[in-house]
Structure formats: C-alpha cells, structure tokens
C-alpha cells in the first residue's frame, strides 16, 4: 500500500495558482508510480525464469543430481531423499529408514542411486539398486561423484573408488591429516578431479585439497602455501583440468566473517623438490568481495558460471568471476546448484526449497539481433556462422524440447551440418567471449 500525504506548501505553487500546484502534484505522483512500477517489473523479470517446485517437505535440502531431463533426486537433512520422474513436477519421498543428514546424491541409472552423509560424526554411503525402495550401507563418505564409468568418494579422511556402481569400494593410500575435513569432489574430466575441504588451525579453518590425475586411484595434496591467503574453503568449481575456482571466507575465531573471496588456481605441476611432494600452482584473487557466502558453484567453462549462498540469491558471471549479476532474488538460504544442460538448472535450499529454470540463457541474447549471421536459414544440409570475433568456439544445437542434440568445436569458416537431423525447428547456441547467443534454425 502506498500512502500519499497531500499538504500545501506555498513555495511549491506556481504563482499561487491552485490548479498549477495540482498539476505539479500529479506529475510527481506519476513519476513515483512509474519508478515503483519499473522496480516491480524489474524484480519480476529477475525472478521470472525461476519456478519454485512443490516438494511436500520443509527439510534443509543440500544436493541435487539428475540422470537426464526427467529423472533426478534431491537429498537433505534427516534422511530426506526425494525422487522425480517427470522433471520436477512431482516428488516422492524414498529415504526409507535413512536418518543421516545427507549431503550428496548420485543417480547412476533409474535403478541405482547413491546418497552420502553423516550423523553424530559418523559418515555413511547408502546404495539402492531398485529405485529407492531399499537402501544398504556400502561405504563411509561425505560425497560421491561420477567420473566416466567409475564412482569416486571422499570422506573426511578417506578416498575410495568403485567400478561396479557402488557395490564394492577400493580404498586409496592417500594420507590425510587428523584435523583435515575433506567434504567435496569436483570433476574436471575422466582422469582429473579435486577434493576440497578445510584443515583446523590455531584459531580458524583454512582451505586444503587433494588432486588426482589417474581417475581417483591416487591423490596428492595441493601446496597450500601457494595460495594468496589462509581463508576457509566454502565452495569450488573445476571447469577445466588446469583451472580451479575456489571460494573462501575469512573466519574470525572459527566463525564466518563478512569477507568472501574468489581465488583462481592455474598452471598445476607436481613438485618433488625438497620433499614437497605436492601439487604447485599459480593463484590469483579474482574477486575480493563476492556477493554472498557461497555454498555451491557450477561453471560451464572457465568464464561462465553460477553461485548460490546464504543471502538467497542466484548469481551469474560471464567473465570468470570478476563480475556477478543477480538472476534470482529470494530470502531462503540456497545450498546447491546443478546444471542439467545449457538451458536447465535446479537449485535447492532450506525449508524444502527447489527452484527450476528451463531457459537459463534467455536473458543473455544480444539486444542486436544482427550480431551474428546464420545462413542459409531455412536450410536442408548445413548452415554457416558469420560475425564471430574469434577463430574457434563451442556451438550447441538443441531441439525445441530443450534437449541437447549436438555440441561442436566450431572453427572459423566451417559449416554446421544438419544432414543427420529430421526436418523441423532447432535452436543454435553460439558461445561468444562474454555471452551465449541463441538463434532459431529451420531444417527443411
């Protein structure tokens, strides 16, 4: 409700004429309403693409993973496991007798699911081979991730791997200190991963991590003295084997402080000199004031990514984290984000919150529709792209249901083949330096 107080001020009248004063007041009211309407529609536009899904729970949800566009699962505190078979329209509880606070979920196929978490400091990984009807404990871990046809897991002081969908686990010989708490694995490719966590110090926690380049069979620590600070780890993303993005928080007496940063690690090499036996790297503080205490990050590549955190907002960067823009403004703490493909994303958080976006890149299309030239369009065999100011880039082709049909490493001058596609309309998405642009393409 907007209340206006109408009081007459002599200095505001035009030559003392009441009608002139009335016109001026109306103009002020019109400007005020215009501003308020602009703010309202700007806020509505900001949140328009994110839809809150009905879950039937108020548990703190902490992780989400999808097998495909339709089939996925969410986990959270008090043994919460929710399953959807229709892209989030409906969720059913399948946690059964699990009571742990779950922090990780992996949907291997429609029968096989793994969840991990802890209660009273005891970590457990549960396996279901019948779609969540029954669960059995198979390992002790905080996180499970898929790497090709292998599953990797990390506990606070263990690394294991499984090649039989989580039934049997092989431990590694990695040595993890007693005050180190490894919590999360980030996968770069089918050989390279980083496991991150914190190590307890004199008065605060500090980032600590391990790296594998042999698909999880061995892990070696990062040389933390190459970092620009000794702040605590909160989240990380590993979009490329030689680029690790680490979100940190400056803690005060073991409690989170107000200063949050983003550090980029590159140029990894293994150093055996002087008994170091650790992964060395170059580090750079990319952003010394990230907009929130980050709980999770998801990057498409080294430049384009998303973060969620304590202030209830979702942020996107198109320049590797130098700048962030809010693409959703809420008030509920957000815990995890999962990118299903270039268009679809899920975010989970407190109070049973699940958000879904089916058109992530819609707001990234250029205001100038002639930025690129796509020809011939319609076409029967191929299309050409002109106007890209780089010699090579990634190109994505989607059908009108949002399913990714092709991902191509495009080279300047090379055509995009449509020969093997049925007739119909498609969406061609081109990766530019700071944005992704989308164009309709018709196959005749």
Protein backbone atom coordinates (compact mmCIF):
# COMPACT_ATOMS: atom_id res chain seq x y z
CA UNK A 1 0.00 0.00 0.00
CA UNK A 2 1.37 3.44 -0.99
CA UNK A 3 0.12 6.41 1.05
CA UNK A 4 0.43 9.98 -0.16
CA UNK A 5 0.21 12.90 2.22
CA UNK A 6 -1.21 16.00 0.50
CA UNK A 7 -0.04 19.17 2.17
CA UNK A 8 0.08 22.62 0.64
CA UNK A 9 3.45 24.35 0.58
CA UNK A 10 3.39 27.93 -0.66
CA UNK A 11 6.82 27.61 -2.20
CA UNK A 12 5.63 24.74 -4.38
CA UNK A 13 2.74 26.53 -6.06
CA UNK A 14 3.02 28.15 -9.45
CA UNK A 15 2.30 31.81 -8.95
CA UNK A 16 -0.01 30.85 -6.11
CA UNK A 17 -2.38 29.16 -8.53
CA UNK A 18 -4.05 26.05 -7.01
CA UNK A 19 -4.53 24.39 -10.37
CA UNK A 20 -0.85 24.73 -11.19
CA UNK A 21 0.02 23.14 -7.86
CA UNK A 22 -2.40 20.30 -8.57
CA UNK A 23 -0.76 19.63 -11.93
CA UNK A 24 2.66 19.58 -10.35
CA UNK A 25 1.48 17.15 -7.66
CA UNK A 26 0.02 14.84 -10.30
CA UNK A 27 3.29 14.90 -12.19
CA UNK A 28 5.16 13.94 -9.00
CA UNK A 29 2.71 11.12 -8.30
CA UNK A 30 3.04 9.88 -11.88
CA UNK A 31 6.83 9.83 -11.64
CA UNK A 32 6.63 8.00 -8.29
CA UNK A 33 4.27 5.37 -9.70
CA UNK A 34 6.45 4.98 -12.78
CA UNK A 35 9.52 4.31 -10.63
CA UNK A 36 7.62 1.87 -8.43
CA UNK A 37 6.22 0.04 -11.44
CA UNK A 38 9.67 -0.11 -13.02
CA UNK A 39 11.12 -1.61 -9.83
CA UNK A 40 8.26 -4.11 -9.62
CA UNK A 41 8.63 -5.28 -13.20
CA UNK A 42 12.43 -5.33 -12.96
CA UNK A 43 12.17 -7.58 -9.89
CA UNK A 44 9.54 -9.75 -11.59
CA UNK A 45 11.73 -10.09 -14.67
CA UNK A 46 14.71 -11.02 -12.49
CA UNK A 47 12.85 -13.95 -10.95
CA UNK A 48 10.56 -14.83 -13.87
CA UNK A 49 12.56 -17.76 -15.19
CA UNK A 50 12.93 -19.47 -11.79
CA UNK A 51 9.95 -21.54 -10.69
CA UNK A 52 9.51 -22.87 -7.16
CA UNK A 53 8.55 -26.55 -7.21
CA UNK A 54 6.23 -28.21 -4.71
CA UNK A 55 8.16 -30.74 -2.59
CA UNK A 56 5.98 -31.59 0.41
CA UNK A 57 8.89 -31.16 2.85
CA UNK A 58 10.43 -28.37 4.89
CA UNK A 59 13.78 -30.12 5.36
CA UNK A 60 17.08 -28.44 4.57
CA UNK A 61 17.90 -29.74 1.07
CA UNK A 62 21.62 -29.95 0.33
CA UNK A 63 22.29 -31.62 -3.03
CA UNK A 64 20.62 -32.38 -6.35
CA UNK A 65 21.56 -34.64 -9.27
CA UNK A 66 19.74 -35.60 -12.49
CA UNK A 67 20.27 -38.58 -14.76
CA UNK A 68 18.53 -36.85 -17.67
CA UNK A 69 15.87 -34.17 -18.20
CA UNK A 70 13.19 -36.20 -16.43
CA UNK A 71 14.76 -38.38 -13.74
CA UNK A 72 16.54 -36.87 -10.74
CA UNK A 73 16.88 -36.84 -6.97
CA UNK A 74 17.39 -34.38 -4.12
CA UNK A 75 18.75 -35.09 -0.62
CA UNK A 76 18.85 -33.22 2.67
CA UNK A 77 18.79 -33.41 6.43
CA UNK A 78 17.13 -36.16 8.49
CA UNK A 79 17.40 -38.78 5.75
CA UNK A 80 15.44 -36.78 3.17
CA UNK A 81 15.60 -38.31 -0.32
CA UNK A 82 13.16 -37.03 -2.96
CA UNK A 83 12.80 -38.55 -6.42
CA UNK A 84 11.17 -37.15 -9.57
CA UNK A 85 10.40 -38.98 -12.79
CA UNK A 86 8.77 -36.04 -14.58
CA UNK A 87 11.30 -33.18 -14.47
CA UNK A 88 10.33 -31.94 -11.02
CA UNK A 89 6.57 -31.72 -11.44
CA UNK A 90 6.11 -34.34 -8.71
CA UNK A 91 8.44 -35.56 -5.96
CA UNK A 92 8.14 -38.72 -3.89
CA UNK A 93 9.98 -39.48 -0.66
CA UNK A 94 12.19 -42.58 -0.95
CA UNK A 95 14.54 -42.16 2.03
CA UNK A 96 13.05 -45.07 3.94
CA UNK A 97 14.88 -45.77 7.19
CA UNK A 98 17.81 -43.43 6.46
CA UNK A 99 18.21 -40.85 9.22
CA UNK A 100 21.55 -39.24 8.35
CA UNK A 101 21.90 -35.62 7.29
CA UNK A 102 22.60 -36.27 3.62
CA UNK A 103 24.96 -34.01 1.68
CA UNK A 104 25.43 -35.87 -1.62
CA UNK A 105 23.36 -37.78 -4.20
CA UNK A 106 24.34 -39.60 -7.38
CA UNK A 107 21.76 -41.01 -9.81
CA UNK A 108 23.66 -43.67 -11.77
CA UNK A 109 20.62 -45.01 -13.63
CA UNK A 110 16.90 -45.42 -12.97
CA UNK A 111 17.55 -48.29 -10.57
CA UNK A 112 20.85 -47.35 -8.96
CA UNK A 113 21.19 -44.36 -6.64
CA UNK A 114 23.80 -43.48 -4.01
CA UNK A 115 23.47 -40.98 -1.16
CA UNK A 116 26.03 -39.93 1.45
CA UNK A 117 26.00 -38.01 4.70
CA UNK A 118 26.63 -38.20 8.39
CA UNK A 119 25.04 -38.30 11.81
CA UNK A 120 26.87 -37.71 15.09
CA UNK A 121 30.12 -37.51 13.13
CA UNK A 122 29.71 -40.94 11.50
CA UNK A 123 29.74 -40.88 7.69
CA UNK A 124 27.78 -43.35 5.57
CA UNK A 125 27.14 -44.00 1.89
CA UNK A 126 23.89 -45.82 1.08
CA UNK A 127 23.16 -47.70 -2.15
CA UNK A 128 19.81 -48.54 -3.71
CA UNK A 129 19.54 -50.84 -6.71
CA UNK A 130 15.75 -50.74 -7.01
CA UNK A 131 14.97 -47.06 -7.46
CA UNK A 132 15.00 -46.17 -3.76
CA UNK A 133 12.73 -48.90 -2.44
CA UNK A 134 15.56 -50.34 -0.31
CA UNK A 135 18.89 -48.95 0.89
CA UNK A 136 22.03 -50.66 2.21
CA UNK A 137 25.17 -49.02 3.66
CA UNK A 138 28.18 -49.69 1.41
CA UNK A 139 30.84 -47.17 2.37
CA UNK A 140 31.80 -44.26 4.64
CA UNK A 141 31.86 -40.96 2.74
CA UNK A 142 30.56 -37.40 2.53
CA UNK A 143 30.47 -37.05 -1.26
CA UNK A 144 30.11 -39.36 -4.28
CA UNK A 145 30.73 -38.28 -7.87
CA UNK A 146 30.60 -39.99 -11.28
CA UNK A 147 33.81 -40.00 -13.33
CA UNK A 148 33.19 -41.83 -16.60
CA UNK A 149 32.24 -45.38 -15.61
CA UNK A 150 33.81 -45.01 -12.16
CA UNK A 151 32.43 -43.59 -8.92
CA UNK A 152 34.71 -41.60 -6.63
CA UNK A 153 34.03 -40.91 -2.98
CA UNK A 154 35.63 -38.81 -0.27
CA UNK A 155 35.18 -38.86 3.48
CA UNK A 156 36.73 -36.50 5.96
CA UNK A 157 39.90 -38.64 5.88
CA UNK A 158 39.39 -41.22 3.10
CA UNK A 159 39.31 -41.56 -0.70
CA UNK A 160 37.70 -44.62 -2.33
CA UNK A 161 36.60 -45.64 -5.81
CA UNK A 162 34.17 -48.18 -7.27
CA UNK A 163 33.90 -49.72 -10.73
CA UNK A 164 30.74 -51.74 -10.05
CA UNK A 165 28.22 -48.94 -9.45
CA UNK A 166 28.98 -48.61 -5.75
CA UNK A 167 28.65 -52.22 -4.61
CA UNK A 168 32.35 -52.68 -3.78
CA UNK A 169 34.90 -49.96 -2.95
CA UNK A 170 38.67 -49.83 -3.27
CA UNK A 171 40.46 -47.58 -0.77
CA UNK A 172 43.41 -45.41 -1.80
CA UNK A 173 46.61 -44.88 0.14
CA UNK A 174 46.26 -41.11 0.42
CA UNK A 175 47.45 -39.75 3.75
CA UNK A 176 45.03 -37.19 5.23
CA UNK A 177 45.84 -35.34 8.44
CA UNK A 178 43.70 -35.80 11.52
CA UNK A 179 42.46 -32.20 11.57
CA UNK A 180 41.59 -32.18 7.86
CA UNK A 181 37.93 -32.47 6.80
CA UNK A 182 37.58 -33.25 3.09
CA UNK A 183 33.96 -32.70 2.02
CA UNK A 184 33.53 -32.40 -1.75
CA UNK A 185 34.86 -33.75 -5.06
CA UNK A 186 34.86 -31.66 -8.25
CA UNK A 187 35.39 -33.47 -11.56
CA UNK A 188 37.21 -31.79 -14.49
CA UNK A 189 37.46 -34.76 -16.88
CA UNK A 190 37.66 -38.58 -16.81
CA UNK A 191 41.11 -38.52 -15.19
CA UNK A 192 41.31 -35.30 -13.18
CA UNK A 193 39.48 -34.28 -10.02
CA UNK A 194 39.96 -32.10 -6.93
CA UNK A 195 38.75 -32.97 -3.43
CA UNK A 196 38.33 -29.93 -1.19
CA UNK A 197 37.77 -29.19 2.47
CA UNK A 198 39.30 -27.42 5.44
CA UNK A 199 42.04 -28.04 7.96
CA UNK A 200 41.69 -26.79 11.53
CA UNK A 201 44.31 -24.25 12.61
CA UNK A 202 45.07 -22.29 15.76
CA UNK A 203 42.01 -20.06 15.59
CA UNK A 204 40.32 -20.75 12.26
CA UNK A 205 39.85 -23.15 9.36
CA UNK A 206 41.92 -22.97 6.17
CA UNK A 207 41.47 -24.40 2.68
CA UNK A 208 43.03 -27.79 2.00
CA UNK A 209 42.67 -30.01 -1.06
CA UNK A 210 43.94 -33.05 -2.97
CA UNK A 211 44.27 -33.67 -6.72
CA UNK A 212 44.10 -36.85 -8.78
CA UNK A 213 45.15 -37.33 -12.40
CA UNK A 214 44.64 -41.11 -12.57
CA UNK A 215 40.86 -41.33 -12.11
CA UNK A 216 40.97 -41.42 -8.33
CA UNK A 217 43.48 -44.23 -7.78
CA UNK A 218 45.91 -41.84 -6.08
CA UNK A 219 45.58 -38.40 -4.52
CA UNK A 220 48.26 -35.85 -3.66
CA UNK A 221 47.82 -32.61 -1.68
CA UNK A 222 47.87 -29.09 -3.05
CA UNK A 223 50.73 -26.94 -1.77
CA UNK A 224 48.59 -24.51 0.21
CA UNK A 225 51.47 -22.05 0.68
CA UNK A 226 50.92 -21.08 -2.99
CA UNK A 227 47.53 -19.64 -2.01
CA UNK A 228 47.16 -15.85 -1.57
CA UNK A 229 45.54 -16.27 1.88
CA UNK A 230 44.75 -18.85 4.55
CA UNK A 231 40.97 -18.38 4.48
CA UNK A 232 38.42 -21.19 4.84
CA UNK A 233 37.02 -23.06 1.84
CA UNK A 234 33.28 -22.73 1.23
CA UNK A 235 32.81 -23.99 -2.36
CA UNK A 236 34.73 -24.69 -5.55
CA UNK A 237 34.32 -25.37 -9.26
CA UNK A 238 36.66 -27.27 -11.58
CA UNK A 239 35.58 -26.45 -15.16
CA UNK A 240 38.93 -27.41 -16.74
CA UNK A 241 41.83 -29.64 -15.69
CA UNK A 242 44.11 -26.62 -15.28
CA UNK A 243 41.60 -24.15 -13.82
CA UNK A 244 40.22 -24.46 -10.29
CA UNK A 245 37.96 -21.75 -8.83
CA UNK A 246 37.94 -21.64 -5.03
CA UNK A 247 35.51 -19.59 -2.93
CA UNK A 248 36.88 -18.71 0.50
CA UNK A 249 35.75 -16.95 3.68
CA UNK A 250 37.85 -15.06 6.19
CA UNK A 251 36.94 -16.60 9.53
CA UNK A 252 37.10 -14.96 12.96
CA UNK A 253 37.51 -17.34 15.91
CA UNK A 254 36.20 -20.29 13.82
CA UNK A 255 33.11 -18.29 12.79
CA UNK A 256 32.37 -16.99 9.27
CA UNK A 257 33.28 -13.35 8.80
CA UNK A 258 31.98 -10.79 6.29
CA UNK A 259 34.82 -11.11 3.75
CA UNK A 260 34.33 -13.62 0.93
CA UNK A 261 36.72 -14.07 -1.97
CA UNK A 262 37.20 -15.96 -5.21
CA UNK A 263 40.66 -17.35 -5.97
CA UNK A 264 41.67 -18.92 -9.30
CA UNK A 265 44.30 -21.68 -9.38
CA UNK A 266 46.07 -22.49 -12.68
CA UNK A 267 49.35 -23.91 -14.06
CA UNK A 268 49.38 -27.06 -11.91
CA UNK A 269 52.59 -29.07 -11.72
CA UNK A 270 53.77 -31.75 -9.31
CA UNK A 271 56.79 -30.68 -7.24
CA UNK A 272 59.09 -33.34 -5.77
CA UNK A 273 61.90 -30.99 -4.80
CA UNK A 274 62.98 -30.67 -1.16
CA UNK A 275 60.40 -33.22 -0.06
CA UNK A 276 57.43 -31.04 -1.04
CA UNK A 277 55.66 -33.84 -2.97
CA UNK A 278 52.62 -31.67 -3.63
CA UNK A 279 50.76 -30.01 -6.46
CA UNK A 280 52.10 -26.49 -7.04
CA UNK A 281 50.13 -23.87 -8.89
CA UNK A 282 49.73 -20.19 -9.72
CA UNK A 283 47.00 -18.41 -7.73
CA UNK A 284 45.22 -15.12 -8.22
CA UNK A 285 42.47 -13.39 -6.24
CA UNK A 286 39.82 -12.77 -8.90
CA UNK A 287 37.23 -11.10 -6.68
CA UNK A 288 37.94 -9.89 -3.15
CA UNK A 289 34.26 -9.26 -2.35
CA UNK A 290 31.98 -11.93 -3.79
CA UNK A 291 28.32 -11.01 -3.25
CA UNK A 292 27.48 -13.77 -0.76
CA UNK A 293 28.88 -16.53 1.43
CA UNK A 294 28.97 -19.14 -1.34
CA UNK A 295 27.59 -22.62 -0.65
CA UNK A 296 27.93 -24.04 -4.16
CA UNK A 297 29.18 -23.13 -7.62
CA UNK A 298 28.60 -24.55 -11.10
CA UNK A 299 30.66 -23.43 -14.10
CA UNK A 300 30.07 -24.24 -17.76
CA UNK A 301 33.65 -23.26 -18.57
CA UNK A 302 36.32 -21.02 -17.07
CA UNK A 303 34.29 -17.85 -17.76
CA UNK A 304 30.59 -18.63 -17.39
CA UNK A 305 29.30 -19.84 -14.03
CA UNK A 306 26.71 -19.61 -11.26
CA UNK A 307 26.88 -19.39 -7.47
CA UNK A 308 24.33 -19.76 -4.66
CA UNK A 309 24.64 -18.99 -0.99
CA UNK A 310 23.33 -17.60 2.25
CA UNK A 311 21.56 -14.48 1.01
CA UNK A 312 19.03 -16.40 -1.10
CA UNK A 313 20.16 -15.03 -4.45
CA UNK A 314 21.49 -16.76 -7.56
CA UNK A 315 24.35 -15.02 -9.33
CA UNK A 316 25.89 -15.45 -12.77
CA UNK A 317 29.29 -14.44 -14.13
CA UNK A 318 30.32 -14.22 -17.76
CA UNK A 319 33.93 -13.17 -17.15
CA UNK A 320 35.34 -15.83 -14.85
CA UNK A 321 34.14 -14.27 -11.61
CA UNK A 322 35.35 -10.69 -11.94
CA UNK A 323 31.73 -9.52 -12.01
CA UNK A 324 28.49 -11.10 -10.82
CA UNK A 325 24.88 -10.27 -11.64
CA UNK A 326 21.87 -11.46 -9.66
CA UNK A 327 19.45 -13.56 -11.73
CA UNK A 328 17.19 -14.55 -8.83
CA UNK A 329 16.42 -12.69 -5.60
CA UNK A 330 14.96 -14.65 -2.70
CA UNK A 331 15.40 -14.80 1.07
CA UNK A 332 15.85 -18.55 1.70
CA UNK A 333 19.38 -19.90 2.09
CA UNK A 334 20.44 -21.79 -1.05
CA UNK A 335 22.70 -24.84 -0.74
CA UNK A 336 23.35 -26.41 -4.14
CA UNK A 337 23.01 -25.79 -7.88
CA UNK A 338 23.06 -28.36 -10.70
CA UNK A 339 23.25 -27.54 -14.42
CA UNK A 340 21.46 -30.21 -16.43
CA UNK A 341 22.47 -28.65 -19.74
CA UNK A 342 22.85 -25.16 -21.21
CA UNK A 343 19.21 -24.32 -20.54
CA UNK A 344 18.03 -26.23 -17.45
CA UNK A 345 19.19 -25.79 -13.86
CA UNK A 346 17.98 -26.78 -10.39
CA UNK A 347 18.74 -25.07 -7.08
CA UNK A 348 17.91 -26.48 -3.63
CA UNK A 349 17.97 -24.92 -0.19
CA UNK A 350 16.38 -24.51 3.21
CA UNK A 351 12.71 -25.15 4.04
CA UNK A 352 12.33 -27.75 1.28
CA UNK A 353 13.00 -25.21 -1.47
CA UNK A 354 13.61 -26.45 -5.02
CA UNK A 355 13.92 -23.91 -7.85
CA UNK A 356 13.98 -24.77 -11.55
CA UNK A 357 14.97 -22.72 -14.58
CA UNK A 358 14.26 -24.07 -18.06
CA UNK A 359 15.66 -21.15 -20.03
CA UNK A 360 18.95 -20.13 -18.43
CA UNK A 361 20.43 -18.34 -21.43
CA UNK A 362 17.31 -16.44 -22.49
CA UNK A 363 18.45 -13.21 -20.86
CA UNK A 364 21.87 -13.47 -22.49
CA UNK A 365 20.79 -12.98 -26.06
CA UNK A 366 22.12 -9.74 -27.55
CA UNK A 367 19.85 -6.73 -27.94
CA UNK A 368 21.07 -6.52 -31.54
CA UNK A 369 19.57 -9.50 -33.43
CA UNK A 370 22.07 -8.96 -36.25
CA UNK A 371 25.11 -9.63 -34.04
CA UNK A 372 25.74 -12.84 -35.99
CA UNK A 373 24.64 -14.01 -39.41
CA UNK A 374 23.31 -17.56 -39.74
CA UNK A 375 22.82 -18.67 -43.35
CA UNK A 376 21.19 -20.28 -45.26
CA UNK A 377 18.18 -20.39 -42.97
CA UNK A 378 15.96 -22.37 -43.65
CA UNK A 379 18.42 -24.99 -44.86
CA UNK A 380 18.48 -28.65 -45.87
CA UNK A 381 22.11 -29.66 -45.31
CA UNK A 382 24.18 -27.11 -43.38
CA UNK A 383 24.37 -23.56 -42.00
CA UNK A 384 27.26 -21.12 -41.80
CA UNK A 385 28.04 -18.69 -38.97
CA UNK A 386 29.49 -15.25 -39.67
CA UNK A 387 30.40 -12.45 -37.27
CA UNK A 388 32.16 -14.41 -34.51
CA UNK A 389 35.21 -12.38 -33.40
CA UNK A 390 37.29 -15.45 -32.51
CA UNK A 391 38.81 -18.24 -34.57
CA UNK A 392 37.10 -21.06 -32.69
CA UNK A 393 34.36 -21.56 -30.14
CA UNK A 394 31.71 -24.01 -28.92
CA UNK A 395 28.37 -24.37 -30.70
CA UNK A 396 25.32 -26.16 -29.26
CA UNK A 397 22.26 -27.39 -31.13
CA UNK A 398 19.02 -28.03 -29.21
CA UNK A 399 15.65 -29.35 -30.28
CA UNK A 400 12.51 -27.42 -29.36
CA UNK A 401 12.09 -29.54 -26.21
CA UNK A 402 15.37 -28.16 -24.90
CA UNK A 403 17.33 -31.38 -25.41
CA UNK A 404 20.95 -31.03 -26.49
CA UNK A 405 21.36 -32.66 -29.93
CA UNK A 406 24.93 -31.69 -30.77
CA UNK A 407 27.93 -29.96 -29.20
CA UNK A 408 30.58 -28.93 -31.72
CA UNK A 409 34.04 -27.39 -31.53
CA UNK A 410 33.46 -24.81 -34.28
CA UNK A 411 36.34 -23.44 -36.36
CA UNK A 412 36.07 -20.23 -38.34
CA UNK A 413 34.62 -20.92 -41.79
CA UNK A 414 33.44 -24.45 -41.02
CA UNK A 415 29.76 -25.30 -41.67
CA UNK A 416 27.36 -26.80 -39.13
CA UNK A 417 25.93 -29.99 -40.60
CA UNK A 418 22.16 -30.63 -40.41
CA UNK A 419 22.24 -33.69 -42.69
CA UNK A 420 21.53 -36.26 -39.97
CA UNK A 421 18.70 -34.29 -38.38
CA UNK A 422 14.97 -34.69 -39.10
CA UNK A 423 13.03 -31.77 -40.54
CA UNK A 424 11.93 -29.20 -38.00
CA UNK A 425 12.99 -26.19 -35.96
CA UNK A 426 16.09 -26.11 -33.75
CA UNK A 427 17.91 -23.64 -31.54
CA UNK A 428 21.53 -22.85 -32.37
CA UNK A 429 23.54 -21.51 -29.39
CA UNK A 430 26.94 -19.92 -30.01
CA UNK A 431 29.47 -19.26 -27.25
CA UNK A 432 30.94 -15.76 -27.55
CA UNK A 433 33.54 -14.24 -25.27
CA UNK A 434 31.12 -12.86 -22.68
CA UNK A 435 27.76 -14.33 -23.58
CA UNK A 436 25.93 -17.13 -25.33
CA UNK A 437 23.58 -16.17 -28.14
CA UNK A 438 20.68 -18.24 -29.44
CA UNK A 439 19.14 -18.31 -32.93
CA UNK A 440 16.28 -20.37 -34.39
CA UNK A 441 17.30 -22.63 -37.28
CA UNK A 442 14.88 -24.46 -39.58
CA UNK A 443 15.75 -27.76 -41.29
CA UNK A 444 13.72 -28.38 -44.47
